[in-house]
């Protein structure tokens, strides 16, 4: 028993000190002018966002990530309160991890976004996050 506890402690010490978990896990959310919400490639309702975000994060390797980055890409004509509600749901999903939210406002009507490849299209635009 003493050997197992020592081995576990040593393993946790190595994980904490080797810097294995220094990456941020990025979660991309797109919201169009009609308030359709896409978590990565999945279209969701606001009521599904919390549970689906939890499921997405819980599938990730434990030692790979030590923080979350939420990227919210929203139509610029949406009310700020709706974007804040989405951000609140995302932050509630995993409260134990350090997280950051980047918000980007887009002119959705001027973008030709295929639903399956919207992330690649937006990433190619080299956008700057808005300041809160």
N, C-alpha and C. Protein backbone atom coordinates (compact mmCIF):
# COMPACT_ATOMS: atom_id res chain seq x y z
N UNK A 1 0.82 -1.19 0.00
CA UNK A 1 0.00 0.00 0.00
C UNK A 1 0.87 1.25 0.00
N UNK A 2 1.92 1.25 0.78
CA UNK A 2 2.80 2.41 0.85
C UNK A 2 3.46 2.66 -0.50
N UNK A 3 3.81 1.61 -1.21
CA UNK A 3 4.43 1.74 -2.53
C UNK A 3 3.47 2.41 -3.52
N UNK A 4 2.20 2.01 -3.49
CA UNK A 4 1.21 2.58 -4.41
C UNK A 4 1.00 4.06 -4.14
N UNK A 5 0.92 4.43 -2.86
CA UNK A 5 0.72 5.84 -2.51
C UNK A 5 1.92 6.67 -2.93
N UNK A 6 3.13 6.16 -2.69
CA UNK A 6 4.34 6.86 -3.09
C UNK A 6 4.40 7.01 -4.60
N UNK A 7 4.07 5.96 -5.33
CA UNK A 7 4.08 6.00 -6.78
C UNK A 7 3.06 7.01 -7.32
N UNK A 8 1.88 7.03 -6.73
CA UNK A 8 0.85 7.98 -7.14
C UNK A 8 1.32 9.41 -6.87
N UNK A 9 1.88 9.66 -5.69
CA UNK A 9 2.37 10.98 -5.35
C UNK A 9 3.48 11.40 -6.32
N UNK A 10 4.39 10.50 -6.61
CA UNK A 10 5.49 10.79 -7.53
C UNK A 10 4.95 11.09 -8.93
N UNK A 11 3.97 10.33 -9.38
CA UNK A 11 3.37 10.57 -10.69
C UNK A 11 2.71 11.95 -10.75
N UNK A 12 1.95 12.29 -9.71
CA UNK A 12 1.31 13.60 -9.69
C UNK A 12 2.35 14.72 -9.63
N UNK A 13 3.42 14.50 -8.90
CA UNK A 13 4.50 15.48 -8.82
C UNK A 13 5.13 15.68 -10.20
N UNK A 14 5.37 14.60 -10.92
CA UNK A 14 5.95 14.72 -12.27
C UNK A 14 5.02 15.46 -13.22
N UNK A 15 3.75 15.14 -13.16
CA UNK A 15 2.79 15.81 -14.04
C UNK A 15 2.75 17.31 -13.73
N UNK A 16 2.76 17.65 -12.45
CA UNK A 16 2.67 19.06 -12.06
C UNK A 16 3.93 19.82 -12.44
N UNK A 17 5.07 19.18 -12.42
CA UNK A 17 6.32 19.88 -12.63
C UNK A 17 6.91 19.77 -14.03
N UNK A 18 6.38 18.90 -14.86
CA UNK A 18 6.95 18.77 -16.20
C UNK A 18 6.30 19.69 -17.21
N UNK A 19 5.25 20.37 -16.82
CA UNK A 19 4.62 21.31 -17.73
C UNK A 19 3.81 20.64 -18.82
N UNK A 20 3.35 19.43 -18.57
CA UNK A 20 2.56 18.74 -19.59
C UNK A 20 1.25 19.45 -19.87
N UNK A 21 0.67 20.06 -18.87
CA UNK A 21 -0.65 20.65 -19.05
C UNK A 21 -0.56 22.17 -19.18
N UNK A 22 0.16 22.63 -20.16
CA UNK A 22 0.32 24.07 -20.35
C UNK A 22 -0.48 24.61 -21.53
N UNK A 23 -1.17 23.75 -22.23
CA UNK A 23 -1.95 24.17 -23.37
C UNK A 23 -3.35 24.61 -22.96
N UNK A 24 -3.91 25.49 -23.77
CA UNK A 24 -5.31 25.88 -23.57
C UNK A 24 -6.17 25.10 -24.55
N UNK A 25 -7.30 24.63 -24.07
CA UNK A 25 -8.27 23.98 -24.93
C UNK A 25 -9.21 25.05 -25.43
N UNK A 26 -9.28 25.22 -26.74
CA UNK A 26 -10.13 26.25 -27.33
C UNK A 26 -11.47 25.69 -27.75
N UNK A 27 -12.52 26.39 -27.39
CA UNK A 27 -13.87 26.03 -27.77
C UNK A 27 -14.44 27.19 -28.58
N UNK A 28 -14.90 26.88 -29.79
CA UNK A 28 -15.42 27.89 -30.69
C UNK A 28 -16.94 27.84 -30.75
N UNK A 29 -17.55 29.01 -30.60
CA UNK A 29 -19.00 29.14 -30.65
C UNK A 29 -19.34 30.21 -31.68
N UNK A 30 -20.27 29.90 -32.57
CA UNK A 30 -20.72 30.86 -33.57
C UNK A 30 -22.21 31.11 -33.37
N UNK A 31 -22.60 32.39 -33.40
CA UNK A 31 -24.00 32.77 -33.25
C UNK A 31 -24.37 33.67 -34.41
N UNK A 32 -25.33 33.24 -35.21
CA UNK A 32 -25.72 34.06 -36.36
C UNK A 32 -26.80 35.08 -35.96
N UNK A 33 -27.22 35.88 -36.92
CA UNK A 33 -28.19 36.95 -36.66
C UNK A 33 -29.54 36.41 -36.21
N UNK A 34 -29.85 35.17 -36.54
CA UNK A 34 -31.11 34.55 -36.13
C UNK A 34 -31.00 33.84 -34.78
N UNK A 35 -29.89 34.05 -34.09
CA UNK A 35 -29.61 33.46 -32.78
C UNK A 35 -29.43 31.95 -32.82
N UNK A 36 -29.03 31.42 -33.98
CA UNK A 36 -28.65 30.01 -34.06
C UNK A 36 -27.27 29.86 -33.47
N UNK A 37 -27.11 28.91 -32.57
CA UNK A 37 -25.86 28.72 -31.83
C UNK A 37 -25.18 27.45 -32.34
N UNK A 38 -23.90 27.57 -32.66
CA UNK A 38 -23.11 26.42 -33.09
C UNK A 38 -21.93 26.26 -32.13
N UNK A 39 -21.90 25.14 -31.43
CA UNK A 39 -20.77 24.78 -30.59
C UNK A 39 -19.90 23.87 -31.43
N UNK A 40 -18.74 24.39 -31.85
CA UNK A 40 -17.93 23.72 -32.85
C UNK A 40 -18.83 23.48 -34.08
N UNK A 41 -19.10 22.25 -34.49
CA UNK A 41 -19.94 22.01 -35.67
C UNK A 41 -21.39 21.68 -35.32
N UNK A 42 -21.71 21.65 -34.05
CA UNK A 42 -23.02 21.19 -33.60
C UNK A 42 -23.97 22.36 -33.35
N UNK A 43 -25.12 22.34 -34.02
CA UNK A 43 -26.14 23.37 -33.80
C UNK A 43 -26.92 23.02 -32.54
N UNK A 44 -27.03 24.00 -31.62
CA UNK A 44 -27.65 23.78 -30.32
C UNK A 44 -28.62 24.89 -29.97
N UNK A 45 -29.46 24.60 -29.02
CA UNK A 45 -30.28 25.65 -28.42
C UNK A 45 -29.54 26.17 -27.19
N UNK A 46 -29.98 27.29 -26.67
CA UNK A 46 -29.35 27.85 -25.46
C UNK A 46 -29.44 26.86 -24.30
N UNK A 47 -30.55 26.13 -24.21
CA UNK A 47 -30.73 25.19 -23.10
C UNK A 47 -29.79 23.98 -23.19
N UNK A 48 -29.30 23.67 -24.37
CA UNK A 48 -28.38 22.55 -24.54
C UNK A 48 -26.91 22.95 -24.38
N UNK A 49 -26.62 24.22 -24.44
CA UNK A 49 -25.23 24.70 -24.49
C UNK A 49 -24.42 24.27 -23.27
N UNK A 50 -24.98 24.38 -22.08
CA UNK A 50 -24.25 24.03 -20.86
C UNK A 50 -23.82 22.57 -20.86
N UNK A 51 -24.76 21.67 -21.08
CA UNK A 51 -24.44 20.23 -21.02
C UNK A 51 -23.52 19.79 -22.16
N UNK A 52 -23.71 20.32 -23.33
CA UNK A 52 -22.86 19.94 -24.47
C UNK A 52 -21.44 20.48 -24.30
N UNK A 53 -21.31 21.65 -23.71
CA UNK A 53 -19.97 22.20 -23.44
C UNK A 53 -19.26 21.33 -22.41
N UNK A 54 -19.97 20.95 -21.35
CA UNK A 54 -19.40 20.05 -20.35
C UNK A 54 -18.92 18.75 -21.00
N UNK A 55 -19.77 18.18 -21.83
CA UNK A 55 -19.43 16.91 -22.49
C UNK A 55 -18.18 17.06 -23.35
N UNK A 56 -18.08 18.17 -24.05
CA UNK A 56 -16.92 18.41 -24.92
C UNK A 56 -15.63 18.51 -24.10
N UNK A 57 -15.68 19.24 -23.00
CA UNK A 57 -14.50 19.41 -22.16
C UNK A 57 -14.13 18.11 -21.46
N UNK A 58 -15.12 17.38 -20.96
CA UNK A 58 -14.85 16.16 -20.20
C UNK A 58 -14.24 15.05 -21.06
N UNK A 59 -14.36 15.14 -22.37
CA UNK A 59 -13.76 14.13 -23.27
C UNK A 59 -12.26 14.35 -23.49
N UNK A 60 -11.73 15.48 -23.05
CA UNK A 60 -10.33 15.82 -23.33
C UNK A 60 -9.39 15.12 -22.34
N UNK A 61 -8.15 14.88 -22.77
CA UNK A 61 -7.16 14.25 -21.88
C UNK A 61 -6.90 15.12 -20.64
N UNK A 62 -6.79 14.50 -19.50
CA UNK A 62 -6.65 15.23 -18.23
C UNK A 62 -5.35 16.02 -18.12
N UNK A 63 -4.27 15.50 -18.66
CA UNK A 63 -2.98 16.16 -18.48
C UNK A 63 -2.59 17.07 -19.63
N UNK A 64 -3.42 17.18 -20.64
CA UNK A 64 -3.04 17.98 -21.80
C UNK A 64 -3.36 19.46 -21.64
N UNK A 65 -4.47 19.78 -20.99
CA UNK A 65 -4.92 21.17 -20.91
C UNK A 65 -5.05 21.62 -19.46
N UNK A 66 -4.66 22.87 -19.20
CA UNK A 66 -4.84 23.41 -17.85
C UNK A 66 -5.73 24.64 -17.85
N UNK A 67 -6.24 25.04 -19.02
CA UNK A 67 -7.15 26.17 -19.08
C UNK A 67 -8.00 26.11 -20.34
N UNK A 68 -9.06 26.90 -20.35
CA UNK A 68 -9.98 26.95 -21.48
C UNK A 68 -9.98 28.33 -22.10
N UNK A 69 -10.14 28.38 -23.41
CA UNK A 69 -10.35 29.63 -24.11
C UNK A 69 -11.63 29.47 -24.92
N UNK A 70 -12.61 30.30 -24.61
CA UNK A 70 -13.86 30.32 -25.36
C UNK A 70 -13.78 31.43 -26.40
N UNK A 71 -13.99 31.09 -27.66
CA UNK A 71 -14.05 32.07 -28.73
C UNK A 71 -15.50 32.15 -29.18
N UNK A 72 -16.12 33.30 -28.93
CA UNK A 72 -17.51 33.51 -29.34
C UNK A 72 -17.50 34.43 -30.56
N UNK A 73 -17.96 33.91 -31.68
CA UNK A 73 -18.09 34.67 -32.92
C UNK A 73 -19.57 34.95 -33.10
N UNK A 74 -19.96 36.21 -33.01
CA UNK A 74 -21.38 36.56 -33.04
C UNK A 74 -21.65 37.65 -34.07
N UNK A 75 -22.85 37.62 -34.60
CA UNK A 75 -23.28 38.65 -35.53
C UNK A 75 -23.29 39.99 -34.79
N UNK A 76 -22.79 41.02 -35.46
CA UNK A 76 -22.66 42.32 -34.79
C UNK A 76 -24.00 42.97 -34.45
N UNK A 77 -25.09 42.49 -35.05
CA UNK A 77 -26.41 43.07 -34.78
C UNK A 77 -27.12 42.44 -33.59
N UNK A 78 -26.54 41.42 -33.00
CA UNK A 78 -27.14 40.80 -31.81
C UNK A 78 -27.01 41.74 -30.61
N UNK A 79 -27.94 41.63 -29.71
CA UNK A 79 -27.87 42.40 -28.46
C UNK A 79 -26.75 41.84 -27.60
N UNK A 80 -26.04 42.73 -26.91
CA UNK A 80 -24.91 42.30 -26.08
C UNK A 80 -25.37 41.36 -24.97
N UNK A 81 -26.58 41.54 -24.47
CA UNK A 81 -27.11 40.67 -23.42
C UNK A 81 -27.20 39.22 -23.85
N UNK A 82 -27.55 38.97 -25.11
CA UNK A 82 -27.64 37.59 -25.61
C UNK A 82 -26.25 36.96 -25.66
N UNK A 83 -25.27 37.72 -26.09
CA UNK A 83 -23.89 37.22 -26.13
C UNK A 83 -23.40 36.95 -24.70
N UNK A 84 -23.77 37.82 -23.78
CA UNK A 84 -23.39 37.61 -22.37
C UNK A 84 -24.05 36.36 -21.80
N UNK A 85 -25.29 36.07 -22.19
CA UNK A 85 -25.97 34.85 -21.73
C UNK A 85 -25.23 33.61 -22.22
N UNK A 86 -24.77 33.63 -23.46
CA UNK A 86 -24.01 32.51 -24.01
C UNK A 86 -22.70 32.35 -23.23
N UNK A 87 -22.01 33.46 -23.00
CA UNK A 87 -20.76 33.41 -22.26
C UNK A 87 -20.99 32.85 -20.85
N UNK A 88 -22.06 33.27 -20.21
CA UNK A 88 -22.38 32.77 -18.86
C UNK A 88 -22.57 31.25 -18.86
N UNK A 89 -23.27 30.73 -19.85
CA UNK A 89 -23.49 29.28 -19.95
C UNK A 89 -22.15 28.56 -20.15
N UNK A 90 -21.28 29.11 -20.98
CA UNK A 90 -19.98 28.49 -21.22
C UNK A 90 -19.14 28.47 -19.94
N UNK A 91 -19.12 29.58 -19.23
CA UNK A 91 -18.33 29.65 -18.00
C UNK A 91 -18.86 28.72 -16.92
N UNK A 92 -20.16 28.51 -16.88
CA UNK A 92 -20.76 27.59 -15.90
C UNK A 92 -20.41 26.13 -16.18
N UNK A 93 -20.09 25.81 -17.42
CA UNK A 93 -19.86 24.42 -17.81
C UNK A 93 -18.70 23.78 -17.04
N UNK A 94 -17.62 24.49 -16.90
CA UNK A 94 -16.45 23.97 -16.19
C UNK A 94 -15.89 25.10 -15.33
N UNK A 95 -16.37 25.18 -14.11
CA UNK A 95 -15.99 26.28 -13.25
C UNK A 95 -14.63 26.08 -12.57
N UNK A 96 -14.11 24.88 -12.58
CA UNK A 96 -12.86 24.60 -11.89
C UNK A 96 -11.61 24.97 -12.68
N UNK A 97 -11.72 25.10 -13.97
CA UNK A 97 -10.56 25.43 -14.81
C UNK A 97 -10.48 26.93 -15.05
N UNK A 98 -9.26 27.42 -15.12
CA UNK A 98 -9.07 28.82 -15.49
C UNK A 98 -9.55 29.00 -16.93
N UNK A 99 -10.30 30.05 -17.19
CA UNK A 99 -10.82 30.24 -18.53
C UNK A 99 -10.78 31.71 -18.93
N UNK A 100 -10.87 31.91 -20.22
CA UNK A 100 -10.86 33.24 -20.82
C UNK A 100 -11.85 33.21 -21.97
N UNK A 101 -12.52 34.34 -22.19
CA UNK A 101 -13.45 34.43 -23.32
C UNK A 101 -13.00 35.52 -24.27
N UNK A 102 -12.90 35.18 -25.55
CA UNK A 102 -12.66 36.15 -26.61
C UNK A 102 -13.96 36.31 -27.38
N UNK A 103 -14.38 37.56 -27.58
CA UNK A 103 -15.62 37.82 -28.31
C UNK A 103 -15.28 38.55 -29.60
N UNK A 104 -15.88 38.08 -30.68
CA UNK A 104 -15.67 38.67 -31.98
C UNK A 104 -17.03 39.01 -32.60
N UNK A 105 -17.18 40.24 -33.08
CA UNK A 105 -18.43 40.64 -33.73
C UNK A 105 -18.21 40.65 -35.23
N UNK A 106 -19.11 39.99 -35.95
CA UNK A 106 -18.97 39.82 -37.39
C UNK A 106 -20.15 40.41 -38.13
N UNK A 107 -19.90 40.79 -39.37
CA UNK A 107 -20.99 41.13 -40.28
C UNK A 107 -21.33 39.84 -41.00
N UNK A 108 -22.21 39.08 -40.39
CA UNK A 108 -22.54 37.74 -40.87
C UNK A 108 -23.09 37.75 -42.29
N UNK A 109 -23.87 38.76 -42.64
CA UNK A 109 -24.48 38.82 -43.98
C UNK A 109 -23.42 38.90 -45.08
N UNK A 110 -22.27 39.45 -44.75
CA UNK A 110 -21.21 39.60 -45.75
C UNK A 110 -20.26 38.41 -45.81
N UNK A 111 -20.45 37.45 -44.94
CA UNK A 111 -19.59 36.27 -44.92
C UNK A 111 -20.30 35.10 -45.58
N UNK A 112 -19.55 34.34 -46.35
CA UNK A 112 -20.09 33.13 -46.95
C UNK A 112 -19.60 31.95 -46.12
N UNK A 113 -20.36 31.62 -45.09
CA UNK A 113 -19.92 30.58 -44.16
C UNK A 113 -20.69 29.30 -44.39
N UNK A 114 -19.98 28.29 -44.84
CA UNK A 114 -20.56 26.96 -44.93
C UNK A 114 -20.63 26.43 -43.50
N UNK A 115 -21.78 25.89 -43.09
CA UNK A 115 -21.95 25.47 -41.70
C UNK A 115 -20.89 24.48 -41.22
N UNK A 116 -20.45 23.60 -42.09
CA UNK A 116 -19.48 22.58 -41.68
C UNK A 116 -18.07 23.15 -41.52
N UNK A 117 -17.75 24.23 -42.24
CA UNK A 117 -16.38 24.74 -42.23
C UNK A 117 -16.31 26.17 -41.71
N UNK A 118 -17.24 26.60 -40.88
CA UNK A 118 -17.26 27.99 -40.45
C UNK A 118 -16.02 28.37 -39.65
N UNK A 119 -15.47 27.44 -38.88
CA UNK A 119 -14.30 27.75 -38.06
C UNK A 119 -13.09 28.11 -38.92
N UNK A 120 -12.87 27.34 -39.97
CA UNK A 120 -11.74 27.62 -40.86
C UNK A 120 -11.91 28.95 -41.57
N UNK A 121 -13.14 29.24 -41.99
CA UNK A 121 -13.42 30.50 -42.67
C UNK A 121 -13.16 31.69 -41.75
N UNK A 122 -13.62 31.60 -40.52
CA UNK A 122 -13.44 32.71 -39.57
C UNK A 122 -11.98 32.85 -39.17
N UNK A 123 -11.29 31.74 -38.94
CA UNK A 123 -9.87 31.81 -38.56
C UNK A 123 -9.04 32.48 -39.65
N UNK A 124 -9.45 32.33 -40.90
CA UNK A 124 -8.69 32.94 -42.00
C UNK A 124 -8.85 34.46 -42.05
N UNK A 125 -9.82 35.01 -41.31
CA UNK A 125 -10.07 36.46 -41.33
C UNK A 125 -9.11 37.24 -40.43
N UNK A 126 -8.40 36.58 -39.53
CA UNK A 126 -7.45 37.23 -38.61
C UNK A 126 -8.13 38.37 -37.83
N UNK A 127 -9.12 38.03 -37.06
CA UNK A 127 -9.91 39.00 -36.30
C UNK A 127 -9.25 39.32 -34.97
N UNK A 128 -9.55 40.51 -34.45
CA UNK A 128 -9.14 40.89 -33.12
C UNK A 128 -10.34 40.84 -32.19
N UNK A 129 -10.14 40.30 -31.00
CA UNK A 129 -11.23 40.22 -30.02
C UNK A 129 -11.62 41.61 -29.54
N UNK A 130 -12.90 41.78 -29.22
CA UNK A 130 -13.33 43.07 -28.66
C UNK A 130 -13.02 43.11 -27.18
N UNK A 131 -12.82 44.29 -26.67
CA UNK A 131 -12.54 44.48 -25.25
C UNK A 131 -13.85 44.62 -24.50
N UNK A 132 -13.93 44.04 -23.31
CA UNK A 132 -15.13 44.18 -22.48
C UNK A 132 -15.10 45.50 -21.75
